[in-house]
Protein backbone atom coordinates (compact mmCIF):
# COMPACT_ATOMS: atom_id res chain seq x y z
CA MET A 1 -7.30 15.46 25.40
CA GLY A 2 -6.08 11.88 24.88
CA VAL A 3 -5.14 9.98 21.75
CA LEU A 4 -8.00 8.18 20.17
CA LEU A 5 -6.53 6.90 16.91
CA GLU A 6 -2.81 6.38 16.33
CA VAL A 7 -0.76 5.22 13.36
CA ASN A 8 2.85 4.01 13.52
CA ASP A 9 5.22 2.89 10.80
CA LEU A 10 2.51 2.60 8.12
CA LEU A 11 3.53 1.42 4.70
CA VAL A 12 1.25 0.85 1.77
CA ARG A 13 2.62 -0.50 -1.56
CA ARG A 14 1.26 -0.81 -5.00
CA GLY A 15 3.55 -3.37 -6.66
CA GLU A 16 7.04 -2.45 -5.78
CA ARG A 17 6.17 1.36 -5.30
CA ALA A 18 5.46 2.77 -1.78
CA VAL A 19 2.41 5.01 -2.17
CA LEU A 20 2.07 5.82 1.55
CA ASP A 21 4.80 5.94 4.21
CA VAL A 22 3.72 7.49 7.59
CA ASP A 23 6.05 7.23 10.57
CA HIS A 24 3.55 8.49 13.04
CA LEU A 25 0.11 10.14 13.07
CA GLU A 26 -2.37 10.56 15.91
CA VAL A 27 -5.91 11.81 16.06
CA LEU A 28 -6.85 13.32 19.37
CA ASP A 29 -10.08 12.55 21.13
CA GLY A 30 -12.79 15.09 20.13
CA GLU A 31 -10.63 16.93 17.60
CA VAL A 32 -11.14 17.56 13.91
CA LEU A 33 -7.99 16.60 11.95
CA ALA A 34 -7.78 17.83 8.34
CA VAL A 35 -5.33 15.87 6.17
CA ILE A 36 -4.33 18.01 3.24
CA GLY A 37 -2.24 17.39 0.15
CA PRO A 38 -2.44 17.58 -3.59
CA ASN A 39 -4.07 14.83 -5.72
CA GLY A 40 -2.13 11.64 -5.61
CA SER A 41 -0.46 12.47 -2.31
CA GLY A 42 -1.94 9.48 -0.48
CA LYS A 43 -4.81 11.06 1.33
CA SER A 44 -7.48 8.70 0.19
CA THR A 45 -5.24 5.70 0.56
CA LEU A 46 -4.70 6.67 4.34
CA LEU A 47 -8.39 6.82 4.73
CA LEU A 48 -8.97 3.36 3.18
CA VAL A 49 -6.42 1.92 5.50
CA LEU A 50 -8.04 3.55 8.57
CA SER A 51 -11.39 2.24 7.53
CA LYS A 52 -9.94 -1.26 7.09
CA LEU A 53 -10.85 -1.35 3.39
CA LEU A 54 -7.20 -1.57 2.36
CA GLN A 55 -4.45 -3.78 3.99
CA PRO A 56 -1.14 -2.12 4.42
CA ALA A 57 2.18 -3.83 3.82
CA GLN A 58 3.10 -2.96 7.44
CA GLY A 59 2.20 -0.77 10.29
CA ARG A 60 0.43 -0.56 13.57
CA ILE A 61 -2.92 1.25 14.06
CA THR A 62 -4.57 1.52 17.46
CA LEU A 63 -8.09 2.82 18.48
CA ARG A 64 -8.11 3.78 22.13
CA GLY A 65 -4.86 1.86 22.62
CA GLN A 66 -6.30 -1.36 21.14
CA PRO A 67 -4.43 -2.70 17.98
CA LEU A 68 -6.80 -2.86 15.00
CA GLU A 69 -5.53 -6.31 14.05
CA ASP A 70 -6.83 -7.65 17.41
CA GLU A 71 -10.35 -6.29 16.57
CA ASN A 72 -12.85 -8.02 14.47
CA GLU A 73 -13.28 -6.14 11.20
CA LEU A 74 -17.09 -5.95 11.35
CA LYS A 75 -16.98 -4.76 15.04
CA TYR A 76 -14.38 -2.17 14.22
CA ARG A 77 -16.34 -0.79 11.24
CA ARG A 78 -19.33 -0.38 13.54
CA ARG A 79 -17.26 2.01 15.59
CA ILE A 80 -16.45 4.31 12.65
CA GLY A 81 -18.52 6.38 10.18
CA LEU A 82 -17.29 6.79 6.65
CA VAL A 83 -18.41 9.51 4.15
CA LEU A 84 -16.99 9.40 0.55
CA GLN A 85 -16.84 12.04 -2.13
CA GLU A 86 -19.57 10.46 -3.99
CA PRO A 87 -22.54 9.50 -1.72
CA LEU A 88 -23.22 5.77 -1.97
CA LEU A 89 -26.97 5.76 -1.55
CA MET A 90 -29.10 2.70 -2.23
CA ASP A 91 -31.97 2.70 -4.63
CA THR A 92 -34.69 3.29 -1.96
CA SER A 93 -35.99 6.13 0.00
CA VAL A 94 -34.02 8.71 1.88
CA PHE A 95 -35.32 7.40 5.23
CA ASN A 96 -34.30 3.79 4.47
CA ASN A 97 -30.86 4.88 3.42
CA VAL A 98 -30.21 6.61 6.75
CA ALA A 99 -31.82 3.70 8.61
CA MET A 100 -29.85 1.03 6.86
CA GLY A 101 -26.76 0.93 9.08
CA LEU A 102 -28.82 1.17 12.21
CA ARG A 103 -30.91 -1.86 11.06
CA PHE A 104 -27.72 -3.83 10.45
CA ARG A 105 -26.75 -3.10 14.01
CA LYS A 106 -30.16 -4.47 15.10
CA ILE A 107 -31.10 -1.18 16.79
CA PRO A 108 -34.66 -1.16 18.13
CA ARG A 109 -37.20 0.12 15.52
CA ARG A 110 -38.37 3.00 17.70
CA GLU A 111 -34.75 4.09 18.23
CA VAL A 112 -34.03 3.81 14.49
CA SER A 113 -36.96 6.08 13.67
CA ARG A 114 -36.02 8.55 16.33
CA ARG A 115 -32.27 8.90 15.18
CA VAL A 116 -33.20 8.93 11.43
CA ASN A 117 -35.76 11.73 11.78
CA ASP A 118 -33.44 13.62 14.19
CA TRP A 119 -30.50 13.67 11.85
CA LEU A 120 -32.58 14.30 8.69
CA GLN A 121 -33.95 17.33 10.54
CA ARG A 122 -30.56 18.57 11.74
CA LEU A 123 -29.22 18.36 8.17
CA GLY A 124 -32.15 20.10 6.77
CA VAL A 125 -33.49 17.18 4.64
CA ASP A 126 -36.32 15.81 6.67
CA HIS A 127 -38.83 16.98 4.07
CA LEU A 128 -37.11 14.53 1.64
CA LYS A 129 -37.45 11.38 3.80
CA ASP A 130 -39.93 9.57 1.54
CA ARG A 131 -38.24 10.59 -1.68
CA PRO A 132 -36.23 8.08 -3.71
CA ALA A 133 -32.54 8.70 -3.03
CA ARG A 134 -31.71 8.60 -6.81
CA THR A 135 -33.78 11.75 -7.47
CA LEU A 136 -31.67 13.95 -5.06
CA SER A 137 -29.38 16.76 -6.04
CA GLY A 138 -25.71 16.44 -5.29
CA GLY A 139 -26.02 18.67 -2.12
CA GLU A 140 -29.10 16.82 -0.92
CA ALA A 141 -27.34 13.38 -1.47
CA GLN A 142 -24.33 14.42 0.57
CA ARG A 143 -26.57 15.72 3.40
CA VAL A 144 -28.28 12.33 3.44
CA SER A 145 -24.85 10.61 3.52
CA LEU A 146 -23.79 12.69 6.38
CA ALA A 147 -27.08 11.99 8.30
CA ARG A 148 -26.48 8.36 7.85
CA ALA A 149 -22.96 8.56 9.32
CA PHE A 150 -24.04 10.79 12.26
CA ALA A 151 -26.92 8.54 13.07
CA LEU A 152 -24.57 5.65 13.79
CA GLN A 153 -23.03 7.66 16.61
CA PRO A 154 -19.49 6.63 15.52
CA GLU A 155 -16.37 7.05 17.79
CA VAL A 156 -14.50 8.33 14.68
CA LEU A 157 -15.94 9.94 11.58
CA LEU A 158 -13.86 9.59 8.38
CA LEU A 159 -14.49 11.73 5.36
CA ASP A 160 -12.98 11.69 1.86
CA GLU A 161 -13.34 15.10 0.20
CA PRO A 162 -17.09 15.08 0.86
CA PHE A 163 -17.64 18.66 -0.46
CA SER A 164 -15.42 18.81 -3.54
CA ALA A 165 -18.11 17.72 -5.99
CA LEU A 166 -20.58 20.46 -4.94
CA ASP A 167 -21.22 23.80 -6.54
CA ALA A 168 -19.86 26.78 -4.61
CA PRO A 169 -23.15 28.00 -2.95
CA THR A 170 -24.17 24.41 -2.00
CA ARG A 171 -20.72 23.70 -0.64
CA ALA A 172 -20.55 26.87 1.43
CA ARG A 173 -24.04 26.18 3.14
CA LEU A 174 -23.09 22.55 3.81
CA LEU A 175 -19.69 23.50 5.24
CA GLU A 176 -21.44 25.88 7.72
CA ASP A 177 -23.99 23.28 8.80
CA PHE A 178 -21.34 20.56 9.08
CA GLN A 179 -19.03 22.63 11.20
CA ALA A 180 -21.93 23.45 13.60
CA LEU A 181 -22.68 19.82 13.93
CA LEU A 182 -19.05 18.85 14.62
CA VAL A 183 -18.99 21.49 17.42
CA GLU A 184 -22.36 20.24 18.81
CA THR A 185 -21.53 16.55 18.85
CA GLY A 186 -17.74 16.67 19.56
CA ILE A 187 -17.26 13.50 17.30
CA THR A 188 -13.61 12.85 16.55
CA THR A 189 -13.25 13.52 12.87
CA LEU A 190 -10.60 12.95 10.24
CA PHE A 191 -11.18 14.42 6.78
CA VAL A 192 -9.01 14.56 3.82
CA THR A 193 -9.16 17.44 1.29
CA HIS A 194 -6.98 19.35 -1.11
CA ASP A 195 -8.86 22.55 -0.42
CA LEU A 196 -6.94 24.75 2.04
CA ASP A 197 -9.95 26.90 2.94
CA GLU A 198 -11.77 23.79 4.04
CA ALA A 199 -8.87 22.62 6.18
CA LEU A 200 -8.61 26.10 7.91
CA PHE A 201 -12.41 26.38 8.31
CA LEU A 202 -12.93 22.99 9.85
CA GLY A 203 -9.65 21.69 11.28
CA ASP A 204 -8.41 21.98 14.75
CA ARG A 205 -5.22 20.58 13.39
CA VAL A 206 -3.88 19.89 10.04
CA ALA A 207 -1.54 17.17 8.57
CA VAL A 208 0.23 17.68 5.31
CA LEU A 209 0.78 14.70 3.00
CA LEU A 210 3.10 15.18 0.06
CA GLY A 211 4.29 12.33 -2.11
CA GLY A 212 2.86 9.71 0.09
CA ARG A 213 4.79 11.03 3.28
CA LEU A 214 3.49 12.94 6.20
CA ARG A 215 5.63 16.11 6.11
CA GLN A 216 4.06 18.19 8.95
CA SER A 217 1.19 18.24 11.36
CA GLY A 218 -0.01 20.72 13.97
CA PRO A 219 -2.31 23.62 14.57
CA PRO A 220 -3.35 25.48 11.31
CA GLN A 221 -1.36 28.62 12.42
CA GLU A 222 1.82 26.68 12.95
CA VAL A 223 1.59 24.76 9.69
CA PHE A 224 0.72 27.71 7.57
CA SER A 225 2.88 30.26 9.14
CA ALA A 226 5.93 28.06 9.68
CA PRO A 227 6.03 25.41 7.09
CA ALA A 228 8.41 22.59 7.88
CA ASP A 229 10.09 22.77 4.52
CA ARG A 230 9.96 24.32 1.06
CA ASP A 231 7.59 21.76 -0.38
CA VAL A 232 5.07 22.42 2.41
CA ALA A 233 5.48 26.16 1.97
CA ALA A 234 4.93 25.77 -1.74
CA PHE A 235 1.68 23.75 -1.13
CA VAL A 236 0.05 25.87 1.48
CA GLY A 237 0.96 29.14 -0.31
CA VAL A 238 -0.32 31.17 2.64
CA GLU A 239 2.53 31.49 5.10
CA THR A 240 1.08 33.86 7.67
CA VAL A 241 -2.01 32.70 9.48
CA LEU A 242 -3.31 34.41 12.74
CA THR A 243 -6.21 33.71 14.92
CA GLY A 244 -8.22 36.83 15.64
CA GLN A 245 -11.62 38.36 16.32
CA VAL A 246 -13.74 41.06 14.52
CA VAL A 247 -13.87 44.13 16.74
CA ALA A 248 -15.43 46.56 14.33
CA ALA A 249 -17.54 46.39 11.11
CA ARG A 250 -18.51 49.17 8.76
CA ASN A 251 -19.27 49.74 5.04
CA GLY A 252 -17.96 46.35 3.93
CA GLY A 253 -14.85 46.57 5.87
CA VAL A 254 -13.88 45.04 9.31
CA SER A 255 -11.18 45.53 12.01
CA VAL A 256 -9.61 42.41 13.30
CA ASP A 257 -7.75 42.06 16.59
CA ALA A 258 -5.14 39.33 16.04
CA SER A 259 -2.01 38.58 18.11
CA GLY A 260 -2.17 41.83 19.78
CA ALA A 261 -2.28 43.99 16.55
CA LEU A 262 -5.25 45.60 14.76
CA PHE A 263 -5.77 44.90 11.04
CA GLU A 264 -8.06 46.44 8.51
CA ALA A 265 -9.65 43.98 6.10
CA VAL A 266 -12.44 43.72 3.57
CA GLY A 267 -15.33 41.60 4.64
CA ASP A 268 -18.88 41.38 6.00
CA LEU A 269 -18.71 39.70 9.32
CA ASP A 270 -20.34 40.33 12.66
CA ILE A 271 -18.56 41.95 15.52
CA GLY A 272 -17.20 39.22 17.86
CA ARG A 273 -16.80 36.64 15.16
CA ALA A 274 -13.66 34.50 15.49
CA VAL A 275 -11.63 34.30 12.26
CA MET A 276 -8.41 33.02 10.79
CA LEU A 277 -6.52 36.00 9.18
CA CYS A 278 -4.39 34.81 6.16
CA LEU A 279 -1.70 36.67 4.31
CA ARG A 280 0.17 35.47 1.20
CA PRO A 281 3.86 36.38 1.32
CA GLU A 282 3.92 38.14 -2.16
CA ASP A 283 1.24 40.61 -0.81
CA ILE A 284 3.50 42.01 1.79
CA THR A 285 5.89 44.99 1.24
CA LEU A 286 8.77 45.68 3.46
CA TRP A 287 10.34 49.07 4.31
CA PRO A 288 13.72 49.45 5.95
CA ASP A 289 14.40 51.15 9.27
CA GLY A 290 10.77 51.70 10.02
CA ILE A 291 10.31 53.99 6.94
CA THR A 292 6.82 53.56 5.61
CA PRO A 293 4.99 55.19 2.63
CA ARG A 294 3.25 57.54 5.03
CA ARG A 295 6.53 59.31 5.61
CA GLU A 296 7.72 62.18 3.54
CA GLY A 297 9.88 61.10 0.58
CA ALA A 298 8.55 57.46 0.53
CA PRO A 299 6.70 56.11 -2.44
CA ALA A 300 2.98 56.43 -2.44
CA SER A 301 0.95 53.40 -1.29
CA SER A 302 -2.68 52.49 -0.63
CA ALA A 303 -1.77 49.95 2.06
CA ARG A 304 -4.09 50.23 5.12
CA ASN A 305 -2.04 48.08 7.31
CA ARG A 306 1.45 48.59 8.83
CA ILE A 307 3.25 46.58 11.49
CA GLN A 308 6.90 46.81 12.66
CA GLY A 309 9.22 43.85 13.28
CA ARG A 310 12.71 42.52 13.02
CA ILE A 311 14.11 40.31 10.23
CA THR A 312 15.00 36.82 11.75
CA ARG A 313 15.93 35.03 8.60
CA ILE A 314 16.52 35.63 4.85
CA ILE A 315 16.20 32.59 2.53
CA PRO A 316 17.09 32.92 -1.22
CA GLN A 317 14.64 31.12 -3.49
CA GLY A 318 15.88 31.41 -7.08
CA PRO A 319 15.08 35.01 -8.23
CA LEU A 320 13.08 35.71 -5.05
CA VAL A 321 13.93 35.97 -1.33
CA ARG A 322 11.85 34.70 1.51
CA VAL A 323 12.01 36.99 4.44
CA GLN A 324 10.88 36.01 7.99
CA VAL A 325 10.00 38.81 10.25
CA ASP A 326 9.25 38.66 13.98
CA CYS A 327 6.41 41.05 14.61
CA GLY A 328 5.33 39.41 17.90
CA PHE A 329 4.11 36.72 15.56
CA PRO A 330 5.87 35.16 12.55
CA LEU A 331 5.30 36.99 9.29
CA VAL A 332 6.68 36.00 5.97
CA ALA A 333 7.33 38.21 2.94
CA LEU A 334 8.38 37.20 -0.54
CA ILE A 335 10.38 39.87 -2.52
CA THR A 336 12.82 40.04 -5.32
CA ARG A 337 16.56 39.79 -4.84
CA ALA A 338 17.02 43.24 -6.34
CA SER A 339 14.64 44.73 -3.80
CA THR A 340 16.49 43.00 -1.00
CA GLU A 341 19.66 44.59 -1.99
CA ASP A 342 18.16 47.95 -2.75
CA LEU A 343 16.54 48.15 0.59
CA GLY A 344 19.52 46.86 2.46
CA LEU A 345 17.65 44.09 4.14
CA VAL A 346 19.71 41.90 6.39
CA GLU A 347 18.94 39.61 9.32
CA GLY A 348 18.43 41.62 12.54
CA LYS A 349 17.25 44.74 10.73
CA THR A 350 14.11 46.61 11.80
CA VAL A 351 11.50 46.79 9.03
CA SER A 352 7.94 47.84 8.61
CA ALA A 353 5.60 45.51 6.80
CA THR A 354 2.62 47.01 4.85
CA PHE A 355 -0.22 45.42 3.08
CA LYS A 356 -3.60 46.38 1.67
CA ALA A 357 -6.86 45.55 3.42
CA SER A 358 -8.05 43.74 0.28
CA VAL A 359 -5.20 41.08 0.37
CA ILE A 360 -6.22 39.85 3.81
CA HIS A 361 -8.11 36.54 3.52
CA LEU A 362 -10.54 36.09 6.49
CA ILE A 363 -11.86 32.61 7.23
CA PRO A 364 -14.67 32.55 9.76
CA ARG A 365 -14.20 30.03 12.68
């Protein structure tokens, strides 16, 4: 998988203040890159620069190895698709909105009709093609906006938090449909979001922007399980992320095979479904020397999951302690300093980690 879009030494200023400073970022051909970060972190600024709607103070951006400054702006924009948080639809019919970009490109009329009808159907809004766009609901309007972008057959699809303004049920349905279309088309996609679930659900890789700087990028498991620094860890919250598969399902519960271990979780998923298994560090309890609540004399516990490992690192964080455990995969627990001392936890010590089925967060893939 080669590099399609590459950014080097990018700097964007507002007045004297640097609002975006990215040393290096690349988007691989055919991948979905999720750029995550809190509000004000520079995500939308990055998207505006990549779409050539904002001129940076410095930097080099290449598309398939060709510098963007050597490319005619109109010609470049015809190679990308852009979807914003608020759909920018013209006061005309749904069909005409989707057809607009194709007509600008002087695509033959028959091909315009074919593409528009095809993408309206794929996004489930073909029955609305004659309706005025201003009468659409938020979810319908965003589906039309996506149909317009896909119909252009772009080399790169750029999206700026396209699902954040939708209500939860509408958002969930659109996310499912959008993911299926990305898999089907293989279009290289960069989308920005502050929603971690969206990033895990859609992203092949994630890049974390904090304070206008790119702090970490890589596969979701790597970024969420092994944050590059404390700020990244604080933002992602979930520090243990495993790739797994549902191997059993019964009575609202599932068994997930992940990293060679079997986990019990709450959920309603089909057997064989690939998932991301997420654990927050504060939901994990550690027991020294392999002692678990199932053994005589140990405190009672309702934890359904137990896995053994060895402490690799102990990091004080104010009144708490971050404990990294090698269980055949990296697992992180967050406990109090008092508990660390009472349990005699030190680096190199064998421990058992326990956690309830209800605290596991499963994200379908």
